[in-house]
Amino acid sequence: MSITKKVLALGAVGLMAAGLAACSSDAEGATEGGDVECNVGISMPTRSLERWINDGEQLEALLKDEGCTVDLQYADNKTSEQISQIQNQIAGGAKILVVAPIDGEVLSPVLSEAKKTQDAVVISYDRLINGTEDIDYYATFDNAKVGKMQGEFIVDQLGLDDGEGPFNLEPFAGSPDDNNAKFFFSGAWDVLLPYVENGQLVVPSGKSPKSNDEWASIGIQGWASDKAQAEMDNRLTSFYSGDEKVDVVLSPNDSLAIGIEASLKSAGYAPGEDYPLITGQDADKANVKAILDGEQAMTVLKDTRKLGEAVFEMIKQIVAGDEVETNVTYDNTKFDVPTAQLDPVVVTKDNVQEEIIDSGFIDASELGL
């Protein structure tokens, strides 16, 4: 199948109205002019994060509404379980695999199996699968931009460009086995490191990577809230005493932010003038509530509905035998993977109504409004 790198019309939901003709044919998934059955295996990493539940269930619903065969699995953040689930999907006849990897470095053998036994088309979902030529497409957000937005927000809110400081910063990074985590951190650290080097930002814990390449040294395995809380507890106990306070925490996502906020609360921090500025990502309900309550300064919204719609559009094109539209490429160490890339949005207390509620991402009643 040829690949044309076109700009993906991510907002053009109307294009989907045509549906997946192949999925509703009388030949149990055989295509009308296409060459791929609409039998889809969806592999999500975990149910422990709200966003992955939403991602998987939305894509499953879109596909089932068009008559596709869908097997949605969650792997409990265990790589061995994800591999086993993908093997079962292959055995079940999946012709298209949508995989959000737990560890993007270890799936090469099972994807090779998918190619050999089913000639399956593989879409890497949000997290890039590395080290293999056996993927076809990637769909994600601009993850470096997510981190850049977090860093720029900190610079703006603290007035660093106006010479304000010094401020006590505690930086965190995501799970070392998640390919996206390095993009989040590097995007933010490119912005913040100059202020660390000139002394406007001080890291009392010493957990300040000297370069982007050292990000994994402060990574929180599995994006676990409890591990982030324990790490923040340790930093507060070991490096803060007397009147010294944390001024800002770089948290790459909302699950880490929840743990960090719990640690701060237990240490006596309360929303108000001296409460730390805390970043996040994903716009989880608990974190949007925290923003409204003054416990978190911002989150970066990656509207996973749009990501799901983009992958749905890809699948429609694959099934119909059409060219798959992409707008950038990502190097997975083996080749440049054709990618549909979406843009994220900064959410603060000032635009929760517009970006979260009015858009339908979260119902106002779920936020107590």
Protein backbone atom coordinates (compact mmCIF):
# COMPACT_ATOMS: atom_id res chain seq x y z
CA MET A 1 0.00 0.00 0.00
CA SER A 2 1.46 3.40 -0.93
CA ILE A 3 1.71 6.06 1.74
CA THR A 4 0.92 9.67 0.93
CA LYS A 5 1.97 12.23 3.53
CA LYS A 6 -0.98 14.56 3.55
CA VAL A 7 -2.10 16.88 6.32
CA LEU A 8 -4.71 14.94 8.23
CA ALA A 9 -7.99 16.78 8.58
CA LEU A 10 -8.33 15.87 12.22
CA GLY A 11 -11.33 18.05 12.84
CA ALA A 12 -13.26 16.88 9.84
CA VAL A 13 -15.49 14.43 11.66
CA GLY A 14 -17.89 14.63 8.75
CA LEU A 15 -15.50 12.49 6.73
CA MET A 16 -16.35 9.61 9.03
CA ALA A 17 -20.01 9.71 8.12
CA ALA A 18 -19.22 7.57 5.11
CA GLY A 19 -18.48 4.79 7.58
CA LEU A 20 -16.50 1.64 7.05
CA ALA A 21 -18.22 0.08 4.08
CA ALA A 22 -16.08 -2.98 4.42
CA CYS A 23 -17.13 -3.56 8.00
CA SER A 24 -20.80 -3.78 7.16
CA SER A 25 -20.54 -5.93 4.06
CA ASP A 26 -22.27 -9.26 3.83
CA ALA A 27 -18.97 -11.11 3.64
CA GLU A 28 -18.19 -10.99 7.35
CA GLY A 29 -15.62 -8.24 7.15
CA ALA A 30 -14.56 -8.67 3.54
CA THR A 31 -14.02 -5.32 1.86
CA GLU A 32 -15.82 -3.67 -1.03
CA GLY A 33 -12.79 -2.93 -3.17
CA GLY A 34 -10.37 -2.96 -0.21
CA ASP A 35 -8.09 -5.77 0.85
CA VAL A 36 -8.16 -5.78 4.68
CA GLU A 37 -10.86 -7.22 6.93
CA CYS A 38 -12.22 -4.96 9.64
CA ASN A 39 -11.17 -7.27 12.44
CA VAL A 40 -9.37 -5.04 14.95
CA GLY A 41 -7.36 -5.85 18.05
CA ILE A 42 -6.93 -2.92 20.44
CA SER A 43 -4.23 -3.24 23.09
CA MET A 44 -4.20 -0.60 25.83
CA PRO A 45 -1.60 -0.57 28.63
CA THR A 46 -3.73 -0.29 31.77
CA ARG A 47 -7.04 0.53 33.39
CA SER A 48 -5.29 2.32 36.25
CA LEU A 49 -5.24 5.62 34.34
CA GLU A 50 -8.57 7.18 33.37
CA ARG A 51 -7.36 8.29 29.97
CA TRP A 52 -6.58 4.75 28.73
CA ILE A 53 -10.06 3.56 29.66
CA ASN A 54 -11.54 6.46 27.71
CA ASP A 55 -9.24 5.89 24.72
CA GLY A 56 -9.98 2.20 24.40
CA GLU A 57 -13.72 2.36 24.95
CA GLN A 58 -14.21 5.25 22.54
CA LEU A 59 -12.32 3.60 19.69
CA GLU A 60 -14.10 0.31 20.36
CA ALA A 61 -17.49 2.05 20.19
CA LEU A 62 -16.66 3.84 16.92
CA LEU A 63 -15.60 0.59 15.29
CA LYS A 64 -18.47 -1.53 16.61
CA ASP A 65 -20.98 1.07 15.44
CA GLU A 66 -19.69 0.38 11.94
CA GLY A 67 -19.98 -3.38 12.30
CA CYS A 68 -16.32 -4.20 12.85
CA THR A 69 -15.10 -7.12 14.93
CA VAL A 70 -13.22 -5.63 17.89
CA ASP A 71 -11.18 -7.18 20.70
CA LEU A 72 -10.24 -4.55 23.31
CA GLN A 73 -7.70 -5.60 25.96
CA TYR A 74 -5.99 -3.88 28.88
CA ALA A 75 -2.65 -5.26 30.09
CA ASP A 76 -2.42 -4.08 33.70
CA ASN A 77 0.92 -2.38 32.94
CA LYS A 78 2.54 -5.80 32.46
CA THR A 79 4.53 -6.24 29.27
CA SER A 80 4.23 -10.03 29.32
CA GLU A 81 0.46 -9.72 29.60
CA GLN A 82 0.30 -7.27 26.70
CA ILE A 83 2.34 -9.61 24.51
CA SER A 84 0.08 -12.53 25.42
CA GLN A 85 -3.04 -10.50 24.66
CA ILE A 86 -1.69 -9.45 21.26
CA GLN A 87 -0.85 -13.09 20.48
CA ASN A 88 -4.44 -14.01 21.29
CA GLN A 89 -5.73 -11.24 19.05
CA ILE A 90 -3.57 -12.53 16.22
CA ALA A 91 -4.88 -16.05 16.79
CA GLY A 92 -8.39 -14.58 16.77
CA GLY A 93 -7.89 -13.27 13.24
CA ALA A 94 -7.12 -9.59 13.88
CA LYS A 95 -6.10 -7.95 10.61
CA ILE A 96 -5.49 -4.54 12.17
CA LEU A 97 -3.72 -4.02 15.49
CA VAL A 98 -3.90 -0.77 17.46
CA VAL A 99 -1.26 -0.91 20.18
CA ALA A 100 -0.46 1.58 22.94
CA PRO A 101 2.71 -0.11 24.25
CA ILE A 102 3.71 -0.42 27.89
CA ASP A 103 7.32 -0.79 26.80
CA GLY A 104 7.90 0.33 23.24
CA GLU A 105 11.18 -1.58 22.97
CA VAL A 106 10.03 -5.19 23.40
CA LEU A 107 7.16 -5.80 20.99
CA SER A 108 9.20 -6.60 17.88
CA PRO A 109 8.80 -10.42 18.06
CA VAL A 110 5.03 -10.43 18.55
CA LEU A 111 4.51 -7.85 15.81
CA SER A 112 6.70 -9.89 13.48
CA GLU A 113 4.39 -12.80 14.25
CA ALA A 114 1.37 -10.62 13.41
CA LYS A 115 2.88 -9.77 10.03
CA LYS A 116 3.83 -13.34 9.19
CA THR A 117 0.58 -15.04 10.22
CA GLN A 118 -2.06 -12.39 9.47
CA ASP A 119 -0.25 -9.79 7.36
CA ALA A 120 -1.71 -7.43 9.95
CA VAL A 121 -1.55 -3.65 9.66
CA VAL A 122 -0.15 -2.21 12.90
CA ILE A 123 -0.95 1.26 14.26
CA SER A 124 1.13 2.47 17.20
CA TYR A 125 -1.25 4.42 19.42
CA ASP A 126 0.01 7.55 21.24
CA ARG A 127 3.23 5.83 22.36
CA LEU A 128 5.72 4.92 19.64
CA ILE A 129 6.78 1.29 19.21
CA ASN A 130 10.53 1.33 18.63
CA GLY A 131 13.11 -0.99 17.09
CA THR A 132 10.92 -2.73 14.53
CA GLU A 133 9.87 -2.33 10.92
CA ASP A 134 6.68 -4.26 11.64
CA ILE A 135 4.52 -1.21 12.36
CA ASP A 136 2.82 0.79 9.65
CA TYR A 137 1.51 3.99 11.22
CA TYR A 138 1.63 6.07 14.37
CA ALA A 139 -1.01 8.40 15.84
CA THR A 140 -0.13 10.76 18.65
CA PHE A 141 -0.05 14.29 19.97
CA ASP A 142 2.93 16.62 19.69
CA ASN A 143 4.49 15.32 22.90
CA ALA A 144 7.53 17.60 22.92
CA LYS A 145 5.07 20.48 22.65
CA VAL A 146 3.26 19.18 25.75
CA GLY A 147 6.45 19.56 27.76
CA LYS A 148 7.26 22.89 26.14
CA MET A 149 3.84 24.18 27.15
CA GLN A 150 4.46 23.10 30.74
CA GLY A 151 7.87 24.77 30.80
CA GLU A 152 6.62 27.98 29.21
CA PHE A 153 3.73 28.11 31.67
CA ILE A 154 6.19 27.95 34.59
CA VAL A 155 8.37 30.67 33.06
CA ASP A 156 5.39 32.93 32.52
CA GLN A 157 3.72 32.37 35.89
CA LEU A 158 6.94 32.91 37.87
CA GLY A 159 8.08 35.89 35.80
CA LEU A 160 11.43 34.29 35.04
CA ASP A 161 11.91 36.33 31.87
CA ASP A 162 11.53 39.44 34.01
CA GLY A 163 14.36 38.30 36.28
CA GLU A 164 12.21 37.02 39.17
CA GLY A 165 13.62 34.36 41.48
CA PRO A 166 15.14 32.33 42.89
CA PHE A 167 12.37 29.73 43.19
CA ASN A 168 12.61 26.17 44.51
CA LEU A 169 11.78 23.69 41.75
CA GLU A 170 11.25 19.94 42.01
CA PRO A 171 11.18 18.25 38.58
CA PHE A 172 9.63 14.86 37.87
CA ALA A 173 9.67 12.72 34.72
CA GLY A 174 7.42 9.94 33.50
CA SER A 175 7.90 6.20 33.30
CA PRO A 176 11.36 5.27 31.92
CA ASP A 177 9.84 2.56 29.71
CA ASP A 178 7.43 4.99 28.02
CA ASN A 179 8.89 6.48 24.85
CA ASN A 180 6.68 9.57 25.22
CA ALA A 181 8.12 10.41 28.63
CA LYS A 182 11.40 11.55 27.15
CA PHE A 183 9.58 13.91 24.78
CA PHE A 184 7.52 15.41 27.62
CA PHE A 185 10.60 16.01 29.74
CA SER A 186 12.87 17.27 26.97
CA GLY A 187 10.22 19.73 25.82
CA ALA A 188 9.96 21.17 29.32
CA TRP A 189 13.66 20.94 30.21
CA ASP A 190 14.75 22.76 27.07
CA VAL A 191 12.75 25.68 28.42
CA LEU A 192 13.64 25.40 32.13
CA LEU A 193 17.28 24.31 32.19
CA PRO A 194 18.68 27.79 31.38
CA TYR A 195 16.93 29.16 34.46
CA VAL A 196 18.34 26.32 36.57
CA GLU A 197 21.81 27.07 35.26
CA ASN A 198 21.55 30.81 36.00
CA GLY A 199 20.15 30.25 39.50
CA GLN A 200 16.61 31.55 39.04
CA LEU A 201 15.37 28.01 39.57
CA VAL A 202 17.00 26.03 42.39
CA VAL A 203 16.50 22.28 42.91
CA PRO A 204 17.10 21.61 46.65
CA SER A 205 16.81 17.83 46.21
CA GLY A 206 19.59 17.86 43.64
CA LYS A 207 17.37 15.86 41.28
CA SER A 208 18.14 18.13 38.37
CA PRO A 209 19.23 16.36 35.17
CA LYS A 210 22.18 18.07 33.50
CA SER A 211 20.72 17.30 30.09
CA ASN A 212 17.64 15.81 28.45
CA ASP A 213 19.44 12.47 28.13
CA GLU A 214 19.38 12.03 31.92
CA TRP A 215 15.60 12.32 32.27
CA ALA A 216 15.05 8.68 33.26
CA SER A 217 17.01 9.25 36.49
CA ILE A 218 13.98 11.09 37.90
CA GLY A 219 11.35 8.97 36.13
CA ILE A 220 8.43 7.45 38.03
CA GLN A 221 7.89 3.84 36.96
CA GLY A 222 4.44 3.09 35.56
CA TRP A 223 3.31 6.70 35.99
CA ALA A 224 2.14 5.57 39.45
CA SER A 225 0.57 8.17 41.74
CA ASP A 226 1.66 6.35 44.88
CA LYS A 227 5.29 6.24 43.71
CA ALA A 228 5.21 9.95 42.90
CA GLN A 229 3.76 10.61 46.36
CA ALA A 230 6.49 8.55 48.03
CA GLU A 231 9.18 10.34 46.02
CA MET A 232 7.78 13.76 46.94
CA ASP A 233 7.53 12.68 50.60
CA ASN A 234 11.21 11.77 50.52
CA ARG A 235 12.25 15.06 48.96
CA LEU A 236 10.24 17.12 51.44
CA THR A 237 11.58 15.17 54.42
CA SER A 238 15.18 15.10 53.26
CA PHE A 239 15.72 18.48 51.65
CA TYR A 240 13.22 20.94 53.10
CA SER A 241 13.24 22.24 56.65
CA GLY A 242 12.24 25.34 58.56
CA ASP A 243 10.78 28.03 56.33
CA GLU A 244 12.10 26.59 53.07
CA LYS A 245 9.22 25.74 50.75
CA VAL A 246 8.64 24.21 47.34
CA ASP A 247 7.61 26.89 44.85
CA VAL A 248 7.02 24.85 41.70
CA VAL A 249 6.78 21.20 40.69
CA LEU A 250 7.23 20.08 37.10
CA SER A 251 4.84 17.13 36.89
CA PRO A 252 4.63 15.63 33.39
CA ASN A 253 1.11 14.25 33.82
CA ASP A 254 -1.96 14.25 36.04
CA SER A 255 -1.46 10.89 37.72
CA LEU A 256 1.91 12.02 39.07
CA ALA A 257 0.41 15.39 40.00
CA ILE A 258 -2.24 13.66 42.16
CA GLY A 259 0.47 11.88 44.15
CA ILE A 260 2.56 15.02 44.45
CA GLU A 261 -0.44 17.01 45.65
CA ALA A 262 -1.26 14.35 48.24
CA SER A 263 2.30 14.55 49.55
CA LEU A 264 2.18 18.33 49.78
CA LYS A 265 -1.12 18.26 51.63
CA SER A 266 0.21 15.77 54.18
CA ALA A 267 3.19 18.07 54.71
CA GLY A 268 0.89 20.97 55.54
CA TYR A 269 0.71 22.79 52.21
CA ALA A 270 -2.70 24.26 51.41
CA PRO A 271 -4.03 26.24 48.43
CA GLY A 272 -3.23 29.91 48.81
CA GLU A 273 -0.51 32.44 48.21
CA ASP A 274 2.41 30.13 49.10
CA TYR A 275 1.08 26.97 47.47
CA PRO A 276 3.38 25.51 44.80
CA LEU A 277 2.65 25.83 41.12
CA ILE A 278 2.05 22.29 39.79
CA THR A 279 1.77 21.24 36.15
CA GLY A 280 0.01 18.23 34.64
CA GLN A 281 -1.29 16.54 31.51
CA ASP A 282 -4.41 14.62 30.41
CA ALA A 283 -7.17 16.71 32.04
CA ASP A 284 -8.34 13.86 34.25
CA LYS A 285 -11.47 14.69 36.21
CA ALA A 286 -9.74 14.68 39.59
CA ASN A 287 -7.10 17.07 38.28
CA VAL A 288 -9.57 19.45 36.67
CA LYS A 289 -11.28 19.57 40.07
CA ALA A 290 -7.87 20.24 41.63
CA ILE A 291 -7.36 23.14 39.21
CA LEU A 292 -10.73 24.60 40.16
CA ASP A 293 -9.84 24.16 43.85
CA GLY A 294 -6.44 25.83 43.48
CA GLU A 295 -4.45 22.63 44.09
CA GLN A 296 -3.01 22.41 40.57
CA ALA A 297 -2.09 25.28 38.27
CA MET A 298 -2.61 23.71 34.86
CA THR A 299 -2.95 20.59 32.79
CA VAL A 300 -2.29 19.95 29.12
CA LEU A 301 -5.36 18.59 27.38
CA LYS A 302 -4.75 15.93 24.79
CA ASP A 303 -8.32 15.39 23.63
CA THR A 304 -8.26 11.65 23.19
CA ARG A 305 -11.59 11.76 21.41
CA LYS A 306 -9.80 13.45 18.52
CA LEU A 307 -6.99 10.89 18.68
CA GLY A 308 -9.52 8.07 18.56
CA GLU A 309 -11.26 9.71 15.61
CA ALA A 310 -7.93 10.06 13.79
CA VAL A 311 -7.19 6.34 14.27
CA PHE A 312 -10.74 5.48 13.24
CA GLU A 313 -10.14 7.45 10.04
CA MET A 314 -6.88 5.56 9.48
CA ILE A 315 -8.64 2.23 9.89
CA LYS A 316 -11.36 3.28 7.49
CA GLN A 317 -8.74 4.12 4.88
CA ILE A 318 -6.84 0.87 5.48
CA VAL A 319 -9.97 -1.26 5.13
CA ALA A 320 -11.04 0.56 1.96
CA GLY A 321 -7.58 0.15 0.44
CA ASP A 322 -7.13 3.93 0.29
CA GLU A 323 -4.01 5.94 0.99
CA VAL A 324 -3.61 6.62 4.72
CA GLU A 325 -3.28 10.31 5.46
CA THR A 326 -0.46 11.43 7.78
CA ASN A 327 1.24 14.76 8.42
CA VAL A 328 4.68 14.01 9.98
CA THR A 329 7.06 11.10 10.60
CA TYR A 330 8.73 9.76 13.77
CA ASP A 331 12.01 7.85 13.82
CA ASN A 332 11.56 4.54 15.69
CA THR A 333 15.28 3.66 15.19
CA LYS A 334 14.40 1.43 12.21
CA PHE A 335 12.58 3.82 9.89
CA ASP A 336 10.54 7.02 9.79
CA VAL A 337 7.01 5.99 10.74
CA PRO A 338 4.20 7.86 8.94
CA THR A 339 2.32 9.68 11.70
CA ALA A 340 -0.91 11.56 12.32
CA GLN A 341 0.07 14.20 14.89
CA LEU A 342 -2.41 16.35 16.84
CA ASP A 343 -1.86 19.51 18.87
CA PRO A 344 -2.43 19.75 22.66
CA VAL A 345 -4.07 22.63 24.58
CA VAL A 346 -3.14 24.27 27.91
CA VAL A 347 -6.01 24.25 30.42
CA THR A 348 -6.11 26.54 33.47
CA LYS A 349 -8.87 27.69 35.79
CA ASP A 350 -9.59 30.49 33.31
CA ASN A 351 -10.52 28.24 30.38
CA VAL A 352 -11.92 25.08 32.03
CA GLN A 353 -15.41 26.13 30.93
CA GLU A 354 -14.42 26.57 27.28
CA GLU A 355 -11.96 23.71 26.79
CA ILE A 356 -13.33 21.06 29.14
CA ILE A 357 -17.03 21.64 29.74
CA ASP A 358 -18.26 23.39 26.59
CA SER A 359 -16.31 20.92 24.44
CA GLY A 360 -18.05 18.01 26.19
CA PHE A 361 -14.78 16.49 27.39
CA ILE A 362 -16.11 16.37 30.97
CA ASP A 363 -19.68 17.08 32.07
CA ALA A 364 -20.04 20.01 34.46
CA SER A 365 -21.92 17.80 36.95
CA GLU A 366 -18.87 15.51 37.25
CA LEU A 367 -16.87 18.53 38.41
CA GLY A 368 -19.48 19.54 40.97
CA LEU A 369 -20.58 22.53 38.87
